[in-house]
Amino acid sequence: MTLVRHAESRRSETPNAVMTTLASPTLGGARSSVWRTEVKSGVKGPVHVFDVEQIWTFLEGEAAIELDGETSTAGPGDTAVLPAHTTRRLTAGPQGYTAIVTAPAGAHAWTLGDADNKITPPWIA
């Protein structure tokens, strides 16, 4: 067993959100990554694609989830399963949102129209 202490969690900030890595290959040696995402009110994330499924469980606030052109709203206690290779964008509601997210380690993401520049976000590594 590996126990990752709160003080060991890794924080990554982007212009849109703060991601706190709770477990990943480089944090606890996990084969899956788990992170907390915190987004302020009204923030629109980038339109992007992941090559793996992601599972989002919303703890606080509300988010509009655009997935391949359809939009759903998620709030506290809701879980969204976002399939691989789908175009997505999350937009925070009036209070922002906090979610716990998981995905397989080594996942790659890219912005729409830029599949030649795939990255593994630091909160997943």
N, C-alpha and C. Protein backbone atom coordinates (compact mmCIF):
# COMPACT_ATOMS: atom_id res chain seq x y z
N MET A 1 0.85 -1.19 0.00
CA MET A 1 0.00 0.00 0.00
C MET A 1 0.88 1.24 0.00
N THR A 2 0.43 2.21 -0.74
CA THR A 2 1.07 3.53 -0.72
C THR A 2 0.08 4.52 -0.13
N LEU A 3 0.52 5.27 0.82
CA LEU A 3 -0.31 6.31 1.42
C LEU A 3 0.25 7.66 1.00
N VAL A 4 -0.53 8.40 0.25
CA VAL A 4 -0.12 9.73 -0.18
C VAL A 4 -0.71 10.72 0.82
N ARG A 5 0.15 11.38 1.53
CA ARG A 5 -0.27 12.36 2.54
C ARG A 5 -0.74 13.65 1.86
N HIS A 6 -1.67 14.31 2.50
CA HIS A 6 -2.20 15.57 1.97
C HIS A 6 -1.07 16.55 1.62
N ALA A 7 -0.07 16.62 2.46
CA ALA A 7 1.04 17.55 2.23
C ALA A 7 1.84 17.19 0.99
N GLU A 8 1.72 15.96 0.50
CA GLU A 8 2.45 15.53 -0.69
C GLU A 8 1.69 15.79 -1.99
N SER A 9 0.42 16.15 -1.88
CA SER A 9 -0.36 16.38 -3.10
C SER A 9 0.30 17.48 -3.93
N ARG A 10 0.08 17.43 -5.23
CA ARG A 10 0.74 18.35 -6.16
C ARG A 10 -0.30 19.29 -6.76
N ARG A 11 -0.01 20.57 -6.73
CA ARG A 11 -0.94 21.59 -7.22
C ARG A 11 -0.46 22.12 -8.57
N SER A 12 -1.39 22.15 -9.54
CA SER A 12 -1.11 22.71 -10.87
C SER A 12 -2.15 23.78 -11.15
N GLU A 13 -1.70 24.95 -11.56
CA GLU A 13 -2.62 26.04 -11.88
C GLU A 13 -2.55 26.36 -13.36
N THR A 14 -3.73 26.58 -13.95
CA THR A 14 -3.83 27.07 -15.31
C THR A 14 -4.64 28.36 -15.25
N PRO A 15 -4.78 29.09 -16.34
CA PRO A 15 -5.63 30.28 -16.30
C PRO A 15 -7.08 29.96 -15.97
N ASN A 16 -7.50 28.69 -16.15
CA ASN A 16 -8.89 28.32 -15.96
C ASN A 16 -9.20 27.62 -14.64
N ALA A 17 -8.21 26.96 -14.03
CA ALA A 17 -8.52 26.12 -12.87
C ALA A 17 -7.29 25.81 -12.05
N VAL A 18 -7.55 25.22 -10.88
CA VAL A 18 -6.50 24.68 -10.03
C VAL A 18 -6.77 23.19 -9.91
N MET A 19 -5.77 22.37 -10.27
CA MET A 19 -5.88 20.93 -10.16
C MET A 19 -4.90 20.47 -9.08
N THR A 20 -5.40 19.66 -8.16
CA THR A 20 -4.57 19.10 -7.10
C THR A 20 -4.49 17.61 -7.31
N THR A 21 -3.31 17.11 -7.66
CA THR A 21 -3.11 15.69 -7.89
C THR A 21 -3.11 14.96 -6.56
N LEU A 22 -3.97 13.95 -6.45
CA LEU A 22 -4.09 13.16 -5.23
C LEU A 22 -3.35 11.84 -5.35
N ALA A 23 -3.30 11.28 -6.56
CA ALA A 23 -2.53 10.06 -6.86
C ALA A 23 -2.30 10.01 -8.36
N SER A 24 -1.12 9.50 -8.74
CA SER A 24 -0.76 9.37 -10.15
C SER A 24 0.49 8.48 -10.22
N PRO A 25 0.97 8.19 -11.42
CA PRO A 25 2.19 7.38 -11.50
C PRO A 25 3.38 8.01 -10.76
N THR A 26 3.49 9.34 -10.80
CA THR A 26 4.60 10.01 -10.13
C THR A 26 4.27 10.44 -8.70
N LEU A 27 3.05 10.19 -8.26
CA LEU A 27 2.64 10.51 -6.89
C LEU A 27 1.93 9.28 -6.33
N GLY A 28 2.68 8.41 -5.72
CA GLY A 28 2.12 7.21 -5.14
C GLY A 28 2.23 5.98 -6.02
N GLY A 29 2.73 6.14 -7.26
CA GLY A 29 2.92 5.01 -8.14
C GLY A 29 1.63 4.37 -8.64
N ALA A 30 0.55 5.13 -8.70
CA ALA A 30 -0.75 4.60 -9.13
C ALA A 30 -0.80 4.38 -10.64
N ARG A 31 -1.62 3.43 -11.07
CA ARG A 31 -1.81 3.21 -12.51
C ARG A 31 -2.91 4.10 -13.07
N SER A 32 -3.72 4.68 -12.19
CA SER A 32 -4.73 5.67 -12.58
C SER A 32 -4.40 6.97 -11.86
N SER A 33 -4.87 8.05 -12.42
CA SER A 33 -4.66 9.36 -11.80
C SER A 33 -5.97 9.86 -11.21
N VAL A 34 -5.86 10.50 -10.06
CA VAL A 34 -7.02 11.11 -9.39
C VAL A 34 -6.62 12.52 -9.00
N TRP A 35 -7.49 13.49 -9.34
CA TRP A 35 -7.18 14.87 -8.98
C TRP A 35 -8.46 15.62 -8.65
N ARG A 36 -8.27 16.71 -7.92
CA ARG A 36 -9.37 17.61 -7.55
C ARG A 36 -9.25 18.83 -8.46
N THR A 37 -10.37 19.23 -9.04
CA THR A 37 -10.40 20.40 -9.91
C THR A 37 -11.27 21.47 -9.27
N GLU A 38 -10.75 22.67 -9.15
CA GLU A 38 -11.51 23.80 -8.61
C GLU A 38 -11.53 24.91 -9.66
N VAL A 39 -12.74 25.35 -9.98
CA VAL A 39 -12.91 26.36 -11.04
C VAL A 39 -13.79 27.48 -10.50
N LYS A 40 -13.39 28.72 -10.75
CA LYS A 40 -14.15 29.88 -10.29
C LYS A 40 -15.36 30.14 -11.18
N SER A 41 -16.26 30.92 -10.66
CA SER A 41 -17.51 31.28 -11.31
C SER A 41 -17.32 31.74 -12.75
N GLY A 42 -18.14 31.18 -13.65
CA GLY A 42 -18.20 31.63 -15.02
C GLY A 42 -17.03 31.26 -15.93
N VAL A 43 -16.03 30.58 -15.40
CA VAL A 43 -14.86 30.24 -16.21
C VAL A 43 -15.22 29.17 -17.23
N LYS A 44 -14.82 29.40 -18.49
CA LYS A 44 -15.01 28.42 -19.56
C LYS A 44 -13.67 27.76 -19.82
N GLY A 45 -13.65 26.44 -19.71
CA GLY A 45 -12.45 25.70 -20.05
C GLY A 45 -12.27 25.67 -21.55
N PRO A 46 -11.11 25.21 -22.00
CA PRO A 46 -10.87 25.14 -23.45
C PRO A 46 -11.66 24.00 -24.08
N VAL A 47 -11.96 24.13 -25.35
CA VAL A 47 -12.53 23.02 -26.11
C VAL A 47 -11.37 22.06 -26.37
N HIS A 48 -11.51 20.82 -25.90
CA HIS A 48 -10.41 19.88 -26.01
C HIS A 48 -10.90 18.45 -26.10
N VAL A 49 -9.95 17.53 -26.28
CA VAL A 49 -10.24 16.11 -26.44
C VAL A 49 -9.24 15.34 -25.58
N PHE A 50 -9.68 14.24 -24.97
CA PHE A 50 -8.79 13.31 -24.28
C PHE A 50 -8.87 11.97 -25.00
N ASP A 51 -7.78 11.23 -24.96
CA ASP A 51 -7.75 9.92 -25.62
C ASP A 51 -8.20 8.78 -24.69
N VAL A 52 -8.67 9.14 -23.50
CA VAL A 52 -9.15 8.16 -22.53
C VAL A 52 -10.46 8.64 -21.92
N GLU A 53 -11.18 7.72 -21.33
CA GLU A 53 -12.38 8.08 -20.56
C GLU A 53 -11.96 8.82 -19.29
N GLN A 54 -12.76 9.81 -18.91
CA GLN A 54 -12.59 10.50 -17.64
C GLN A 54 -13.89 10.37 -16.86
N ILE A 55 -13.77 10.30 -15.54
CA ILE A 55 -14.95 10.27 -14.67
C ILE A 55 -14.85 11.46 -13.73
N TRP A 56 -15.88 12.30 -13.77
CA TRP A 56 -15.95 13.52 -12.96
C TRP A 56 -17.08 13.38 -11.94
N THR A 57 -16.77 13.56 -10.66
CA THR A 57 -17.79 13.62 -9.62
C THR A 57 -17.75 15.02 -9.02
N PHE A 58 -18.89 15.70 -9.11
CA PHE A 58 -18.97 17.09 -8.67
C PHE A 58 -19.31 17.15 -7.18
N LEU A 59 -18.49 17.89 -6.44
CA LEU A 59 -18.67 18.02 -4.99
C LEU A 59 -19.42 19.28 -4.61
N GLU A 60 -19.10 20.37 -5.29
CA GLU A 60 -19.71 21.68 -4.99
C GLU A 60 -19.95 22.44 -6.29
N GLY A 61 -20.92 23.34 -6.26
CA GLY A 61 -21.18 24.20 -7.40
C GLY A 61 -21.84 23.47 -8.55
N GLU A 62 -21.66 24.03 -9.73
CA GLU A 62 -22.36 23.53 -10.91
C GLU A 62 -21.50 23.78 -12.14
N ALA A 63 -21.61 22.86 -13.11
CA ALA A 63 -20.89 23.02 -14.37
C ALA A 63 -21.76 22.62 -15.53
N ALA A 64 -21.65 23.37 -16.62
CA ALA A 64 -22.26 22.97 -17.88
C ALA A 64 -21.20 22.16 -18.61
N ILE A 65 -21.57 20.96 -19.03
CA ILE A 65 -20.64 20.07 -19.73
C ILE A 65 -21.09 19.96 -21.17
N GLU A 66 -20.30 20.50 -22.09
CA GLU A 66 -20.57 20.37 -23.51
C GLU A 66 -19.78 19.15 -24.00
N LEU A 67 -20.49 18.19 -24.58
CA LEU A 67 -19.85 16.97 -25.05
C LEU A 67 -20.36 16.68 -26.45
N ASP A 68 -19.47 16.80 -27.43
CA ASP A 68 -19.83 16.59 -28.83
C ASP A 68 -21.10 17.35 -29.22
N GLY A 69 -21.18 18.61 -28.79
CA GLY A 69 -22.27 19.48 -29.21
C GLY A 69 -23.52 19.45 -28.34
N GLU A 70 -23.59 18.56 -27.36
CA GLU A 70 -24.74 18.51 -26.45
C GLU A 70 -24.30 18.98 -25.08
N THR A 71 -25.18 19.72 -24.38
CA THR A 71 -24.83 20.28 -23.08
C THR A 71 -25.72 19.70 -21.99
N SER A 72 -25.07 19.32 -20.88
CA SER A 72 -25.77 18.86 -19.68
C SER A 72 -25.22 19.66 -18.51
N THR A 73 -26.02 19.80 -17.45
CA THR A 73 -25.57 20.50 -16.26
C THR A 73 -25.39 19.50 -15.13
N ALA A 74 -24.25 19.60 -14.45
CA ALA A 74 -23.95 18.72 -13.32
C ALA A 74 -23.79 19.55 -12.06
N GLY A 75 -24.27 19.00 -10.95
CA GLY A 75 -24.16 19.68 -9.66
C GLY A 75 -23.67 18.72 -8.59
N PRO A 76 -23.71 19.15 -7.33
CA PRO A 76 -23.18 18.35 -6.24
C PRO A 76 -23.76 16.92 -6.22
N GLY A 77 -22.86 15.96 -6.15
CA GLY A 77 -23.26 14.56 -6.10
C GLY A 77 -23.41 13.90 -7.45
N ASP A 78 -23.42 14.69 -8.53
CA ASP A 78 -23.55 14.13 -9.88
C ASP A 78 -22.20 13.63 -10.38
N THR A 79 -22.24 12.55 -11.15
CA THR A 79 -21.03 12.00 -11.77
C THR A 79 -21.24 11.95 -13.27
N ALA A 80 -20.25 12.47 -13.99
CA ALA A 80 -20.29 12.46 -15.46
C ALA A 80 -19.17 11.57 -15.98
N VAL A 81 -19.53 10.65 -16.86
CA VAL A 81 -18.55 9.80 -17.52
C VAL A 81 -18.34 10.36 -18.92
N LEU A 82 -17.15 10.89 -19.16
CA LEU A 82 -16.84 11.51 -20.44
C LEU A 82 -16.03 10.51 -21.28
N PRO A 83 -16.60 10.02 -22.37
CA PRO A 83 -15.92 9.02 -23.19
C PRO A 83 -14.66 9.58 -23.86
N ALA A 84 -13.77 8.68 -24.19
CA ALA A 84 -12.55 9.05 -24.92
C ALA A 84 -12.91 9.59 -26.30
N HIS A 85 -12.04 10.43 -26.82
CA HIS A 85 -12.12 10.95 -28.19
C HIS A 85 -13.41 11.72 -28.47
N THR A 86 -13.91 12.42 -27.45
CA THR A 86 -15.07 13.29 -27.64
C THR A 86 -14.66 14.73 -27.35
N THR A 87 -15.17 15.64 -28.14
CA THR A 87 -14.90 17.06 -27.93
C THR A 87 -15.67 17.51 -26.70
N ARG A 88 -14.98 18.22 -25.81
CA ARG A 88 -15.60 18.62 -24.55
C ARG A 88 -15.20 20.03 -24.14
N ARG A 89 -16.06 20.62 -23.32
CA ARG A 89 -15.78 21.91 -22.68
C ARG A 89 -16.63 21.99 -21.43
N LEU A 90 -16.02 22.39 -20.32
CA LEU A 90 -16.76 22.59 -19.08
C LEU A 90 -16.79 24.08 -18.76
N THR A 91 -17.96 24.55 -18.36
CA THR A 91 -18.13 25.95 -17.98
C THR A 91 -18.70 26.00 -16.57
N ALA A 92 -18.04 26.74 -15.71
CA ALA A 92 -18.47 26.84 -14.31
C ALA A 92 -19.73 27.67 -14.19
N GLY A 93 -20.58 27.27 -13.25
CA GLY A 93 -21.80 28.00 -12.93
C GLY A 93 -21.51 29.20 -12.04
N PRO A 94 -22.55 29.84 -11.51
CA PRO A 94 -22.40 31.08 -10.73
C PRO A 94 -21.53 30.95 -9.48
N GLN A 95 -21.45 29.76 -8.88
CA GLN A 95 -20.61 29.56 -7.70
C GLN A 95 -19.30 28.85 -8.05
N GLY A 96 -19.05 28.62 -9.32
CA GLY A 96 -17.89 27.83 -9.72
C GLY A 96 -18.20 26.36 -9.46
N TYR A 97 -17.18 25.52 -9.43
CA TYR A 97 -17.39 24.12 -9.07
C TYR A 97 -16.11 23.50 -8.56
N THR A 98 -16.29 22.42 -7.82
CA THR A 98 -15.20 21.56 -7.36
C THR A 98 -15.58 20.15 -7.72
N ALA A 99 -14.63 19.40 -8.31
CA ALA A 99 -14.89 18.03 -8.71
C ALA A 99 -13.67 17.16 -8.43
N ILE A 100 -13.92 15.89 -8.22
CA ILE A 100 -12.87 14.88 -8.18
C ILE A 100 -12.92 14.16 -9.52
N VAL A 101 -11.75 14.01 -10.15
CA VAL A 101 -11.69 13.45 -11.50
C VAL A 101 -10.69 12.30 -11.51
N THR A 102 -10.98 11.28 -12.31
CA THR A 102 -10.04 10.19 -12.49
C THR A 102 -9.94 9.83 -13.97
N ALA A 103 -8.75 9.36 -14.33
CA ALA A 103 -8.48 8.92 -15.70
C ALA A 103 -7.29 7.98 -15.66
N PRO A 104 -7.16 7.12 -16.65
CA PRO A 104 -5.97 6.27 -16.71
C PRO A 104 -4.70 7.11 -16.81
N ALA A 105 -3.64 6.63 -16.18
CA ALA A 105 -2.36 7.31 -16.25
C ALA A 105 -1.89 7.38 -17.70
N GLY A 106 -1.14 8.42 -18.02
CA GLY A 106 -0.60 8.55 -19.37
C GLY A 106 -1.58 9.09 -20.39
N ALA A 107 -2.71 9.58 -19.93
CA ALA A 107 -3.71 10.14 -20.84
C ALA A 107 -3.13 11.32 -21.60
N HIS A 108 -3.58 11.48 -22.82
CA HIS A 108 -3.16 12.62 -23.65
C HIS A 108 -4.36 13.50 -23.96
N ALA A 109 -4.11 14.80 -24.00
CA ALA A 109 -5.14 15.78 -24.33
C ALA A 109 -4.62 16.68 -25.44
N TRP A 110 -5.56 17.26 -26.17
CA TRP A 110 -5.20 18.24 -27.19
C TRP A 110 -6.38 19.16 -27.41
N THR A 111 -6.08 20.36 -27.87
CA THR A 111 -7.15 21.30 -28.16
C THR A 111 -7.70 20.99 -29.55
N LEU A 112 -8.92 21.37 -29.76
CA LEU A 112 -9.60 21.09 -31.02
C LEU A 112 -8.78 21.63 -32.18
N GLY A 113 -8.55 20.78 -33.16
CA GLY A 113 -7.81 21.19 -34.34
C GLY A 113 -6.30 21.14 -34.18
N ASP A 114 -5.80 20.64 -33.04
CA ASP A 114 -4.36 20.60 -32.80
C ASP A 114 -3.91 19.23 -32.30
N ALA A 115 -4.40 18.17 -32.93
CA ALA A 115 -4.11 16.80 -32.51
C ALA A 115 -2.63 16.45 -32.65
N ASP A 116 -1.87 17.25 -33.39
CA ASP A 116 -0.43 16.99 -33.52
C ASP A 116 0.34 17.40 -32.27
N ASN A 117 -0.30 18.14 -31.37
CA ASN A 117 0.35 18.61 -30.16
C ASN A 117 -0.32 18.02 -28.91
N LYS A 118 -0.32 16.71 -28.82
CA LYS A 118 -0.90 16.03 -27.66
C LYS A 118 0.03 16.18 -26.45
N ILE A 119 -0.57 16.40 -25.29
CA ILE A 119 0.21 16.50 -24.05
C ILE A 119 -0.42 15.62 -22.97
N THR A 120 0.40 15.25 -22.01
CA THR A 120 -0.10 14.64 -20.78
C THR A 120 -0.10 15.76 -19.75
N PRO A 121 -1.29 16.22 -19.32
CA PRO A 121 -1.32 17.31 -18.35
C PRO A 121 -0.56 16.93 -17.07
N PRO A 122 0.12 17.89 -16.45
CA PRO A 122 0.95 17.58 -15.28
C PRO A 122 0.17 16.98 -14.10
N TRP A 123 -1.11 17.26 -13.98
CA TRP A 123 -1.87 16.69 -12.87
C TRP A 123 -2.19 15.22 -13.08
N ILE A 124 -1.98 14.69 -14.29
CA ILE A 124 -2.22 13.28 -14.59
C ILE A 124 -0.93 12.47 -14.51
N ALA A 125 0.20 13.14 -14.73
CA ALA A 125 1.51 12.44 -14.78
C ALA A 125 1.90 11.87 -13.43
